[in-house]
């Protein structure tokens, strides 16, 4: 997340709270996703690499989901998350 924000400070800002269009990173895990929508305390994300395996491109295209979580659920699942919010 630091590298994304550092490379594009005019486009992204680091935050602990998400906005639609944000990229999220799981703290301590090799996992990222995109925030599709935020409504009240519900966050809808698209995330991939759910099996934790480095896959071929063909397999990776099938290894993703769109899912809604509360912010607390998302933090609990991944042990914390940080967001690169669009400016």
Protein backbone atom coordinates (compact mmCIF):
# COMPACT_ATOMS: atom_id res chain seq x y z
CA UNK A 1 0.00 0.00 0.00
CA UNK A 2 2.85 2.36 0.80
CA UNK A 3 4.30 1.88 -2.67
CA UNK A 4 0.99 2.58 -4.40
CA UNK A 5 0.42 5.79 -2.44
CA UNK A 6 4.07 6.84 -2.84
CA UNK A 7 3.99 6.23 -6.59
CA UNK A 8 0.70 8.08 -7.08
CA UNK A 9 0.27 10.64 -4.27
CA UNK A 10 -1.90 12.75 -6.56
CA UNK A 11 -4.37 9.86 -6.97
CA UNK A 12 -4.40 7.92 -3.68
CA UNK A 13 -4.21 8.54 0.06
CA UNK A 14 -3.66 5.96 2.78
CA UNK A 15 -6.58 5.50 5.18
CA UNK A 16 -8.02 3.12 7.76
CA UNK A 17 -11.54 3.85 6.41
CA UNK A 18 -12.54 2.87 2.86
CA UNK A 19 -14.08 4.77 -0.03
CA UNK A 20 -15.51 3.20 -3.18
CA UNK A 21 -12.66 2.65 -5.64
CA UNK A 22 -10.09 2.03 -2.91
CA UNK A 23 -7.51 -0.73 -3.04
CA UNK A 24 -7.20 -2.62 0.24
CA UNK A 25 -4.32 -4.62 1.60
CA UNK A 26 -4.53 -7.20 4.36
CA UNK A 27 -1.96 -6.45 7.05
CA UNK A 28 0.42 -9.38 7.42
CA UNK A 29 -1.09 -11.30 4.50
CA UNK A 30 -0.29 -11.34 0.81
CA UNK A 31 -3.83 -10.30 -0.11
CA UNK A 32 -5.38 -7.29 -1.82
CA UNK A 33 -8.79 -6.36 -3.13
CA UNK A 34 -10.82 -3.49 -4.54
CA UNK A 35 -13.62 -1.72 -2.71
CA UNK A 36 -16.64 -1.61 -5.01
CA UNK A 37 -19.08 0.17 -2.69
CA UNK A 38 -19.42 1.54 0.83
CA UNK A 39 -22.85 1.99 2.39
CA UNK A 40 -23.13 2.76 6.09
CA UNK A 41 -20.94 0.07 7.71
CA UNK A 42 -21.12 -2.38 4.80
CA UNK A 43 -18.23 -2.67 2.36
CA UNK A 44 -18.54 -4.57 -0.92
CA UNK A 45 -15.21 -5.79 -2.26
CA UNK A 46 -13.83 -7.82 -5.12
CA UNK A 47 -10.94 -9.99 -4.06
CA UNK A 48 -8.92 -12.79 -5.57
CA UNK A 49 -6.31 -15.41 -4.76
CA UNK A 50 -8.71 -16.91 -2.26
CA UNK A 51 -6.97 -20.29 -2.31
CA UNK A 52 -3.59 -18.75 -1.43
CA UNK A 53 -1.90 -20.53 -4.34
CA UNK A 54 0.04 -18.95 -7.18
CA UNK A 55 -2.11 -19.98 -10.12
CA UNK A 56 -1.94 -19.82 -13.86
CA UNK A 57 -3.79 -16.87 -15.37
CA UNK A 58 -6.61 -19.20 -16.46
CA UNK A 59 -7.06 -20.53 -12.91
CA UNK A 60 -6.68 -17.10 -11.34
CA UNK A 61 -9.57 -15.74 -13.41
CA UNK A 62 -11.86 -18.19 -11.58
CA UNK A 63 -10.38 -17.60 -8.12
CA UNK A 64 -12.17 -14.39 -7.09
CA UNK A 65 -15.39 -13.23 -5.48
CA UNK A 66 -17.53 -10.19 -4.83
CA UNK A 67 -18.58 -10.11 -1.20
CA UNK A 68 -19.95 -7.69 1.39
CA UNK A 69 -18.52 -7.36 4.89
CA UNK A 70 -18.76 -4.94 7.76
CA UNK A 71 -15.49 -3.11 8.32
CA UNK A 72 -15.03 -5.05 11.57
CA UNK A 73 -15.53 -8.37 9.76
CA UNK A 74 -12.99 -7.47 7.09
CA UNK A 75 -10.47 -6.42 9.73
CA UNK A 76 -11.09 -9.61 11.71
CA UNK A 77 -10.72 -11.92 8.72
CA UNK A 78 -7.39 -10.44 7.64
CA UNK A 79 -5.99 -9.30 10.99
CA UNK A 80 -6.33 -5.69 9.89
CA UNK A 81 -6.62 -3.84 6.60
CA UNK A 82 -5.40 -0.57 5.18
CA UNK A 83 -6.90 1.32 2.25
CA UNK A 84 -5.48 3.39 -0.59
CA UNK A 85 -8.45 5.66 -1.20
CA UNK A 86 -8.88 7.57 -4.43
CA UNK A 87 -8.57 11.34 -4.02
